[in-house]
Every structure is written in structure tokens, then in C-alpha cells.
Amino acid sequence: MTAAGFVASLQICPGHRKPMWPLHEVLARTNHGLEGDLHALDESPRQVLLIEGETLDALGLPPGSVKENITTRNIALMSLSRNQLLMVGGVRLQITSICKPCNRLEELRPGLRATLEGRRGMLARVVRGGVIRQGDAIELL
């Protein structure tokens, strides 16, 4: 394993168009997603969204504002390939795809959708569940 970064913040989406809930820790359920998150669905390739905190900083956006579950630090998420495995604390995630910016980002700031093209973060599924905590190391497997 190679240490690649850490969890700067965690948040879940409790429902459609509801504000994100910041958490210090969250239960990740195998092949389901994060407990209490709207996008936690069995077999879904979109169970968890990770974004680089450095991207949010560059745009002057706070963690959770673009609906990510995990805000990272010190890891080049956008360079990861499909099927890359990560250990986030004791949880194993598998990258499934790049997250394409949606029109909802325009509600946050006009032009944000285009600005986040290719930088919106990576989607993942939970391969092995457990607890993820703010500050946990993120390691490439």
C-alpha cells in the first residue's frame, strides 16, 4: 500500500435537494454505500463521490458544496483509473468512473458546471465496508 492522502471532511446527502450533513465518521456498507446517504444503493457504481479539497479551495467552495461525500487532501484523484482500489481508513473503495458535472452546479454558481469539467471528482463503490473517519489515511492498493 502507498499512502496517498487523507480524508479532510465527510458528508452525506440525507435526501433529494437537501443540504449535506457534515460528519466526523460514517459507516460504509459493503456494495451499498454510506449509511444514511441518498445515493447508497445496492450494486450502484455511484455509491460514494470523492473530490480533491484543493479543487474546492481553488474555486472558493466549502467542503460538501458540490455534493461530495469525501473531501480529500494530498491525493490526485483525477489521475486514478477505473477499478483502482483505495483503502480509506479500514474501508476498501473501488473507483468506477469520473463524475460528470451536472446542471445543478449552475444553481450554486453560474459557470461552475463548465469550470468543474474533468475536476468534479471520482465515483466509487464500497468493496469492503467499515467506518470512515475524518483524518483517515487514503492509500492506493
N, C-alpha and C. Protein backbone atom coordinates (compact mmCIF):
# COMPACT_ATOMS: atom_id res chain seq x y z
N MET A 1 0.83 -1.19 0.00
CA MET A 1 0.00 0.00 0.00
C MET A 1 0.87 1.24 0.00
N THR A 2 0.39 2.26 -0.68
CA THR A 2 1.10 3.53 -0.75
C THR A 2 0.21 4.62 -0.20
N ALA A 3 0.66 5.30 0.86
CA ALA A 3 -0.12 6.42 1.40
C ALA A 3 -0.20 7.50 0.35
N ALA A 4 -1.42 7.98 0.10
CA ALA A 4 -1.62 8.94 -0.96
C ALA A 4 -2.32 10.21 -0.50
N GLY A 5 -2.93 10.20 0.64
CA GLY A 5 -3.65 11.39 1.08
C GLY A 5 -4.45 11.09 2.34
N PHE A 6 -5.42 11.96 2.59
CA PHE A 6 -6.27 11.74 3.77
C PHE A 6 -7.64 12.36 3.58
N VAL A 7 -8.57 11.94 4.43
CA VAL A 7 -9.94 12.44 4.42
C VAL A 7 -9.97 13.78 5.16
N ALA A 8 -10.26 14.85 4.42
CA ALA A 8 -10.34 16.18 5.03
C ALA A 8 -11.71 16.43 5.63
N SER A 9 -12.76 15.93 4.97
CA SER A 9 -14.11 16.05 5.53
C SER A 9 -15.01 14.97 4.96
N LEU A 10 -16.07 14.69 5.68
CA LEU A 10 -17.07 13.68 5.31
C LEU A 10 -18.44 14.32 5.37
N GLN A 11 -19.30 13.92 4.44
CA GLN A 11 -20.67 14.41 4.47
C GLN A 11 -21.57 13.42 3.73
N ILE A 12 -22.84 13.40 4.13
CA ILE A 12 -23.83 12.59 3.42
C ILE A 12 -24.97 13.49 2.97
N CYS A 13 -25.67 13.04 1.95
CA CYS A 13 -26.85 13.73 1.45
C CYS A 13 -28.07 13.00 2.01
N PRO A 14 -28.82 13.63 2.93
CA PRO A 14 -29.93 12.94 3.58
C PRO A 14 -31.18 12.81 2.70
N GLY A 15 -31.24 13.55 1.58
CA GLY A 15 -32.41 13.48 0.71
C GLY A 15 -32.27 14.39 -0.49
N HIS A 16 -33.13 14.21 -1.46
CA HIS A 16 -33.10 14.99 -2.70
C HIS A 16 -33.20 16.49 -2.40
N ARG A 17 -32.21 17.23 -2.91
CA ARG A 17 -32.12 18.70 -2.78
C ARG A 17 -31.98 19.19 -1.33
N LYS A 18 -31.61 18.29 -0.44
CA LYS A 18 -31.37 18.69 0.95
C LYS A 18 -29.89 19.01 1.14
N PRO A 19 -29.57 19.91 2.07
CA PRO A 19 -28.15 20.21 2.32
C PRO A 19 -27.40 19.01 2.87
N MET A 20 -26.12 18.96 2.55
CA MET A 20 -25.27 17.87 3.03
C MET A 20 -25.13 17.97 4.55
N TRP A 21 -24.99 16.83 5.19
CA TRP A 21 -24.74 16.75 6.63
C TRP A 21 -23.27 16.44 6.85
N PRO A 22 -22.52 17.33 7.48
CA PRO A 22 -21.12 17.00 7.80
C PRO A 22 -21.06 16.01 8.96
N LEU A 23 -20.12 15.08 8.87
CA LEU A 23 -19.97 14.04 9.88
C LEU A 23 -18.50 13.88 10.25
N HIS A 24 -18.23 13.40 11.45
CA HIS A 24 -16.86 13.06 11.84
C HIS A 24 -16.52 11.63 11.45
N GLU A 25 -17.57 10.80 11.35
CA GLU A 25 -17.38 9.43 10.91
C GLU A 25 -18.68 8.94 10.28
N VAL A 26 -18.53 7.94 9.40
CA VAL A 26 -19.70 7.38 8.72
C VAL A 26 -19.46 5.89 8.48
N LEU A 27 -20.55 5.13 8.54
CA LEU A 27 -20.48 3.70 8.26
C LEU A 27 -20.65 3.48 6.76
N ALA A 28 -19.67 2.82 6.16
CA ALA A 28 -19.75 2.43 4.75
C ALA A 28 -20.15 0.96 4.71
N ARG A 29 -21.25 0.68 4.01
CA ARG A 29 -21.74 -0.71 3.92
C ARG A 29 -21.31 -1.33 2.60
N THR A 30 -20.81 -2.54 2.67
CA THR A 30 -20.31 -3.25 1.50
C THR A 30 -21.36 -3.28 0.39
N ASN A 31 -20.92 -2.87 -0.80
CA ASN A 31 -21.73 -2.84 -2.01
C ASN A 31 -23.07 -2.12 -1.83
N HIS A 32 -23.08 -1.12 -0.95
CA HIS A 32 -24.30 -0.34 -0.72
C HIS A 32 -24.00 1.17 -0.70
N GLY A 33 -23.00 1.57 0.07
CA GLY A 33 -22.66 2.99 0.17
C GLY A 33 -22.61 3.45 1.61
N LEU A 34 -22.73 4.76 1.78
CA LEU A 34 -22.61 5.36 3.11
C LEU A 34 -23.97 5.40 3.79
N GLU A 35 -24.00 4.91 5.01
CA GLU A 35 -25.24 4.84 5.79
C GLU A 35 -25.91 6.21 5.84
N GLY A 36 -27.19 6.26 5.48
CA GLY A 36 -27.96 7.50 5.55
C GLY A 36 -27.85 8.39 4.32
N ASP A 37 -27.03 8.00 3.34
CA ASP A 37 -26.86 8.82 2.14
C ASP A 37 -27.89 8.45 1.07
N LEU A 38 -28.42 9.46 0.42
CA LEU A 38 -29.40 9.28 -0.65
C LEU A 38 -28.91 8.34 -1.75
N HIS A 39 -27.61 8.38 -2.04
CA HIS A 39 -27.05 7.60 -3.13
C HIS A 39 -26.57 6.20 -2.73
N ALA A 40 -26.86 5.80 -1.50
CA ALA A 40 -26.49 4.46 -1.04
C ALA A 40 -27.50 3.47 -1.61
N LEU A 41 -27.07 2.75 -2.64
CA LEU A 41 -27.94 1.78 -3.32
C LEU A 41 -27.13 0.53 -3.65
N ASP A 42 -27.70 -0.63 -3.37
CA ASP A 42 -27.03 -1.88 -3.69
C ASP A 42 -26.66 -1.92 -5.17
N GLU A 43 -25.44 -2.39 -5.45
CA GLU A 43 -24.92 -2.59 -6.80
C GLU A 43 -24.65 -1.31 -7.59
N SER A 44 -24.93 -0.14 -7.04
CA SER A 44 -24.73 1.11 -7.78
C SER A 44 -23.24 1.43 -7.95
N PRO A 45 -22.85 1.93 -9.12
CA PRO A 45 -21.46 2.37 -9.30
C PRO A 45 -21.24 3.79 -8.76
N ARG A 46 -22.30 4.41 -8.23
CA ARG A 46 -22.24 5.80 -7.76
C ARG A 46 -22.48 5.89 -6.25
N GLN A 47 -21.94 4.96 -5.48
CA GLN A 47 -22.21 4.90 -4.04
C GLN A 47 -21.51 6.00 -3.25
N VAL A 48 -20.32 6.41 -3.70
CA VAL A 48 -19.52 7.40 -2.97
C VAL A 48 -18.89 8.35 -3.98
N LEU A 49 -18.94 9.65 -3.68
CA LEU A 49 -18.27 10.66 -4.51
C LEU A 49 -17.14 11.29 -3.72
N LEU A 50 -15.94 11.26 -4.30
CA LEU A 50 -14.76 11.87 -3.70
C LEU A 50 -14.32 13.05 -4.57
N ILE A 51 -13.89 14.14 -3.94
CA ILE A 51 -13.34 15.28 -4.67
C ILE A 51 -12.12 15.80 -3.92
N GLU A 52 -11.18 16.34 -4.67
CA GLU A 52 -9.97 16.91 -4.09
C GLU A 52 -10.30 18.24 -3.39
N GLY A 53 -9.92 18.35 -2.14
CA GLY A 53 -10.12 19.60 -1.40
C GLY A 53 -9.41 20.76 -2.06
N GLU A 54 -8.32 20.47 -2.73
CA GLU A 54 -7.56 21.52 -3.41
C GLU A 54 -8.38 22.15 -4.53
N THR A 55 -9.23 21.36 -5.18
CA THR A 55 -10.11 21.88 -6.23
C THR A 55 -11.13 22.83 -5.61
N LEU A 56 -11.73 22.42 -4.50
CA LEU A 56 -12.69 23.29 -3.82
C LEU A 56 -12.02 24.59 -3.38
N ASP A 57 -10.81 24.49 -2.83
CA ASP A 57 -10.07 25.69 -2.39
C ASP A 57 -9.87 26.66 -3.55
N ALA A 58 -9.45 26.12 -4.70
CA ALA A 58 -9.17 26.96 -5.86
C ALA A 58 -10.42 27.70 -6.34
N LEU A 59 -11.59 27.12 -6.08
CA LEU A 59 -12.85 27.72 -6.50
C LEU A 59 -13.56 28.48 -5.38
N GLY A 60 -12.94 28.50 -4.20
CA GLY A 60 -13.54 29.20 -3.07
C GLY A 60 -14.82 28.55 -2.57
N LEU A 61 -14.88 27.23 -2.64
CA LEU A 61 -16.07 26.48 -2.22
C LEU A 61 -15.79 25.68 -0.95
N PRO A 62 -16.75 25.65 -0.02
CA PRO A 62 -16.55 24.85 1.20
C PRO A 62 -16.80 23.37 0.94
N PRO A 63 -16.24 22.49 1.79
CA PRO A 63 -16.49 21.06 1.67
C PRO A 63 -17.99 20.76 1.67
N GLY A 64 -18.39 19.81 0.82
CA GLY A 64 -19.79 19.40 0.74
C GLY A 64 -20.63 20.22 -0.22
N SER A 65 -20.11 21.32 -0.69
CA SER A 65 -20.91 22.22 -1.53
C SER A 65 -21.25 21.65 -2.90
N VAL A 66 -20.41 20.75 -3.41
CA VAL A 66 -20.72 20.15 -4.71
C VAL A 66 -21.22 18.72 -4.53
N LYS A 67 -21.75 18.44 -3.33
CA LYS A 67 -22.42 17.18 -3.00
C LYS A 67 -21.50 15.98 -2.92
N GLU A 68 -20.20 16.23 -2.65
CA GLU A 68 -19.29 15.10 -2.47
C GLU A 68 -19.45 14.51 -1.08
N ASN A 69 -19.16 13.20 -0.98
CA ASN A 69 -19.20 12.53 0.31
C ASN A 69 -17.87 12.64 1.05
N ILE A 70 -16.78 12.55 0.29
CA ILE A 70 -15.45 12.59 0.88
C ILE A 70 -14.64 13.69 0.20
N THR A 71 -14.20 14.64 0.99
CA THR A 71 -13.29 15.67 0.50
C THR A 71 -11.90 15.22 0.91
N THR A 72 -11.01 15.12 -0.07
CA THR A 72 -9.67 14.59 0.18
C THR A 72 -8.63 15.69 0.20
N ARG A 73 -7.45 15.34 0.66
CA ARG A 73 -6.26 16.20 0.60
C ARG A 73 -5.08 15.34 0.17
N ASN A 74 -4.20 15.94 -0.60
CA ASN A 74 -2.91 15.33 -0.97
C ASN A 74 -3.02 14.05 -1.78
N ILE A 75 -4.06 13.92 -2.59
CA ILE A 75 -4.18 12.78 -3.50
C ILE A 75 -4.74 13.29 -4.82
N ALA A 76 -4.10 12.89 -5.90
CA ALA A 76 -4.53 13.30 -7.25
C ALA A 76 -5.62 12.34 -7.72
N LEU A 77 -6.83 12.55 -7.23
CA LEU A 77 -7.94 11.66 -7.57
C LEU A 77 -8.18 11.55 -9.06
N MET A 78 -8.08 12.68 -9.76
CA MET A 78 -8.44 12.69 -11.18
C MET A 78 -7.46 11.90 -12.04
N SER A 79 -6.33 11.50 -11.47
CA SER A 79 -5.37 10.69 -12.23
C SER A 79 -5.60 9.19 -12.00
N LEU A 80 -6.54 8.84 -11.12
CA LEU A 80 -6.80 7.43 -10.85
C LEU A 80 -7.59 6.81 -11.99
N SER A 81 -7.38 5.53 -12.20
CA SER A 81 -8.07 4.84 -13.29
C SER A 81 -9.26 4.05 -12.75
N ARG A 82 -10.16 3.71 -13.66
CA ARG A 82 -11.31 2.88 -13.33
C ARG A 82 -10.80 1.57 -12.72
N ASN A 83 -11.47 1.12 -11.69
CA ASN A 83 -11.17 -0.11 -10.94
C ASN A 83 -10.02 0.03 -9.96
N GLN A 84 -9.38 1.21 -9.88
CA GLN A 84 -8.34 1.44 -8.87
C GLN A 84 -8.96 1.20 -7.49
N LEU A 85 -8.25 0.48 -6.64
CA LEU A 85 -8.71 0.24 -5.28
C LEU A 85 -8.02 1.20 -4.32
N LEU A 86 -8.80 1.68 -3.36
CA LEU A 86 -8.31 2.59 -2.33
C LEU A 86 -8.69 2.03 -0.97
N MET A 87 -7.82 2.22 0.01
CA MET A 87 -8.19 2.00 1.40
C MET A 87 -8.41 3.37 2.01
N VAL A 88 -9.60 3.59 2.53
CA VAL A 88 -9.94 4.84 3.20
C VAL A 88 -10.24 4.45 4.63
N GLY A 89 -9.26 4.69 5.51
CA GLY A 89 -9.36 4.11 6.85
C GLY A 89 -9.36 2.60 6.69
N GLY A 90 -10.37 1.92 7.21
CA GLY A 90 -10.48 0.49 7.06
C GLY A 90 -11.43 0.06 5.95
N VAL A 91 -11.87 1.00 5.13
CA VAL A 91 -12.84 0.72 4.08
C VAL A 91 -12.15 0.64 2.73
N ARG A 92 -12.53 -0.36 1.96
CA ARG A 92 -11.97 -0.51 0.61
C ARG A 92 -12.99 0.02 -0.41
N LEU A 93 -12.54 0.99 -1.21
CA LEU A 93 -13.37 1.55 -2.28
C LEU A 93 -12.76 1.18 -3.63
N GLN A 94 -13.62 1.06 -4.63
CA GLN A 94 -13.17 0.83 -6.00
C GLN A 94 -13.68 1.98 -6.87
N ILE A 95 -12.76 2.65 -7.54
CA ILE A 95 -13.14 3.74 -8.44
C ILE A 95 -13.94 3.16 -9.60
N THR A 96 -15.08 3.78 -9.90
CA THR A 96 -15.92 3.30 -11.00
C THR A 96 -15.89 4.24 -12.21
N SER A 97 -15.81 5.55 -11.97
CA SER A 97 -15.79 6.50 -13.09
C SER A 97 -15.55 7.91 -12.59
N ILE A 98 -15.26 8.78 -13.56
CA ILE A 98 -15.21 10.22 -13.30
C ILE A 98 -16.65 10.69 -13.12
N CYS A 99 -16.87 11.61 -12.21
CA CYS A 99 -18.20 12.19 -12.03
C CYS A 99 -18.33 13.39 -12.98
N LYS A 100 -19.30 13.31 -13.84
CA LYS A 100 -19.54 14.41 -14.79
C LYS A 100 -20.36 15.49 -14.10
N PRO A 101 -19.97 16.76 -14.26
CA PRO A 101 -20.72 17.85 -13.63
C PRO A 101 -22.15 17.91 -14.16
N CYS A 102 -23.08 18.18 -13.27
CA CYS A 102 -24.49 18.27 -13.66
C CYS A 102 -24.96 19.72 -13.65
N ASN A 103 -26.14 19.94 -14.19
CA ASN A 103 -26.71 21.29 -14.26
C ASN A 103 -26.99 21.89 -12.89
N ARG A 104 -27.17 21.05 -11.87
CA ARG A 104 -27.44 21.58 -10.51
C ARG A 104 -26.32 22.48 -10.03
N LEU A 105 -25.10 22.27 -10.54
CA LEU A 105 -23.97 23.11 -10.13
C LEU A 105 -24.17 24.55 -10.54
N GLU A 106 -24.95 24.79 -11.59
CA GLU A 106 -25.24 26.15 -12.04
C GLU A 106 -26.06 26.92 -11.01
N GLU A 107 -26.82 26.19 -10.18
CA GLU A 107 -27.60 26.82 -9.11
C GLU A 107 -26.67 27.36 -8.03
N LEU A 108 -25.54 26.72 -7.85
CA LEU A 108 -24.57 27.14 -6.85
C LEU A 108 -23.80 28.37 -7.33
N ARG A 109 -23.38 28.31 -8.60
CA ARG A 109 -22.63 29.42 -9.19
C ARG A 109 -22.69 29.29 -10.71
N PRO A 110 -23.17 30.34 -11.41
CA PRO A 110 -23.19 30.28 -12.87
C PRO A 110 -21.77 30.01 -13.42
N GLY A 111 -21.71 29.04 -14.34
CA GLY A 111 -20.43 28.68 -14.95
C GLY A 111 -19.69 27.57 -14.23
N LEU A 112 -20.20 27.15 -13.06
CA LEU A 112 -19.48 26.14 -12.26
C LEU A 112 -19.45 24.78 -12.96
N ARG A 113 -20.50 24.45 -13.67
CA ARG A 113 -20.52 23.16 -14.37
C ARG A 113 -19.33 23.06 -15.34
N ALA A 114 -19.14 24.09 -16.14
CA ALA A 114 -18.03 24.08 -17.11
C ALA A 114 -16.69 24.12 -16.39
N THR A 115 -16.60 24.88 -15.32
CA THR A 115 -15.35 25.00 -14.56
C THR A 115 -14.93 23.65 -13.97
N LEU A 116 -15.90 22.85 -13.55
CA LEU A 116 -15.60 21.56 -12.92
C LEU A 116 -15.46 20.40 -13.90
N GLU A 117 -15.62 20.67 -15.18
CA GLU A 117 -15.45 19.60 -16.18
C GLU A 117 -14.05 18.99 -16.04
N GLY A 118 -14.01 17.66 -15.83
CA GLY A 118 -12.74 16.97 -15.65
C GLY A 118 -12.12 17.13 -14.27
N ARG A 119 -12.83 17.81 -13.35
CA ARG A 119 -12.33 18.05 -11.99
C ARG A 119 -13.39 17.78 -10.93
N ARG A 120 -14.53 17.24 -11.33
CA ARG A 120 -15.70 17.08 -10.46
C ARG A 120 -15.52 16.00 -9.40
N GLY A 121 -14.52 15.14 -9.59
CA GLY A 121 -14.27 14.09 -8.62
C GLY A 121 -14.47 12.71 -9.22
N MET A 122 -14.30 11.72 -8.38
CA MET A 122 -14.40 10.33 -8.81
C MET A 122 -15.50 9.61 -8.04
N LEU A 123 -16.24 8.78 -8.75
CA LEU A 123 -17.27 7.95 -8.15
C LEU A 123 -16.66 6.60 -7.78
N ALA A 124 -17.18 6.01 -6.73
CA ALA A 124 -16.66 4.73 -6.25
C ALA A 124 -17.77 3.90 -5.65
N ARG A 125 -17.48 2.61 -5.53
CA ARG A 125 -18.39 1.72 -4.81
C ARG A 125 -17.63 1.13 -3.63
N VAL A 126 -18.38 0.72 -2.62
CA VAL A 126 -17.79 0.14 -1.41
C VAL A 126 -17.58 -1.35 -1.63
N VAL A 127 -16.31 -1.77 -1.66
CA VAL A 127 -15.95 -3.18 -1.85
C VAL A 127 -15.90 -3.91 -0.51
N ARG A 128 -15.41 -3.22 0.51
CA ARG A 128 -15.38 -3.76 1.87
C ARG A 128 -15.76 -2.64 2.83
N GLY A 129 -16.81 -2.85 3.57
CA GLY A 129 -17.34 -1.82 4.46
C GLY A 129 -16.56 -1.64 5.75
N GLY A 130 -17.02 -0.68 6.52
CA GLY A 130 -16.41 -0.34 7.80
C GLY A 130 -16.69 1.12 8.09
N VAL A 131 -15.93 1.68 8.98
CA VAL A 131 -16.12 3.08 9.38
C VAL A 131 -15.04 3.95 8.73
N ILE A 132 -15.46 5.06 8.16
CA ILE A 132 -14.54 6.08 7.64
C ILE A 132 -14.62 7.26 8.59
N ARG A 133 -13.45 7.77 8.98
CA ARG A 133 -13.39 8.91 9.90
C ARG A 133 -12.64 10.07 9.26
N GLN A 134 -13.05 11.25 9.63
CA GLN A 134 -12.32 12.44 9.20
C GLN A 134 -10.87 12.29 9.67
N GLY A 135 -9.91 12.54 8.79
CA GLY A 135 -8.49 12.40 9.12
C GLY A 135 -7.89 11.06 8.72
N ASP A 136 -8.75 10.08 8.36
CA ASP A 136 -8.23 8.77 7.95
C ASP A 136 -7.31 8.89 6.73
N ALA A 137 -6.31 8.02 6.71
CA ALA A 137 -5.41 7.95 5.55
C ALA A 137 -6.14 7.34 4.37
N ILE A 138 -5.74 7.78 3.18
CA ILE A 138 -6.21 7.17 1.93
C ILE A 138 -4.99 6.55 1.28
N GLU A 139 -5.07 5.25 1.01
CA GLU A 139 -3.94 4.53 0.43
C GLU A 139 -4.35 3.88 -0.88
N LEU A 140 -3.45 3.91 -1.84
CA LEU A 140 -3.66 3.22 -3.11
C LEU A 140 -3.27 1.77 -2.94
N LEU A 141 -4.09 0.85 -3.44
CA LEU A 141 -3.81 -0.58 -3.33
C LEU A 141 -3.30 -1.11 -4.67
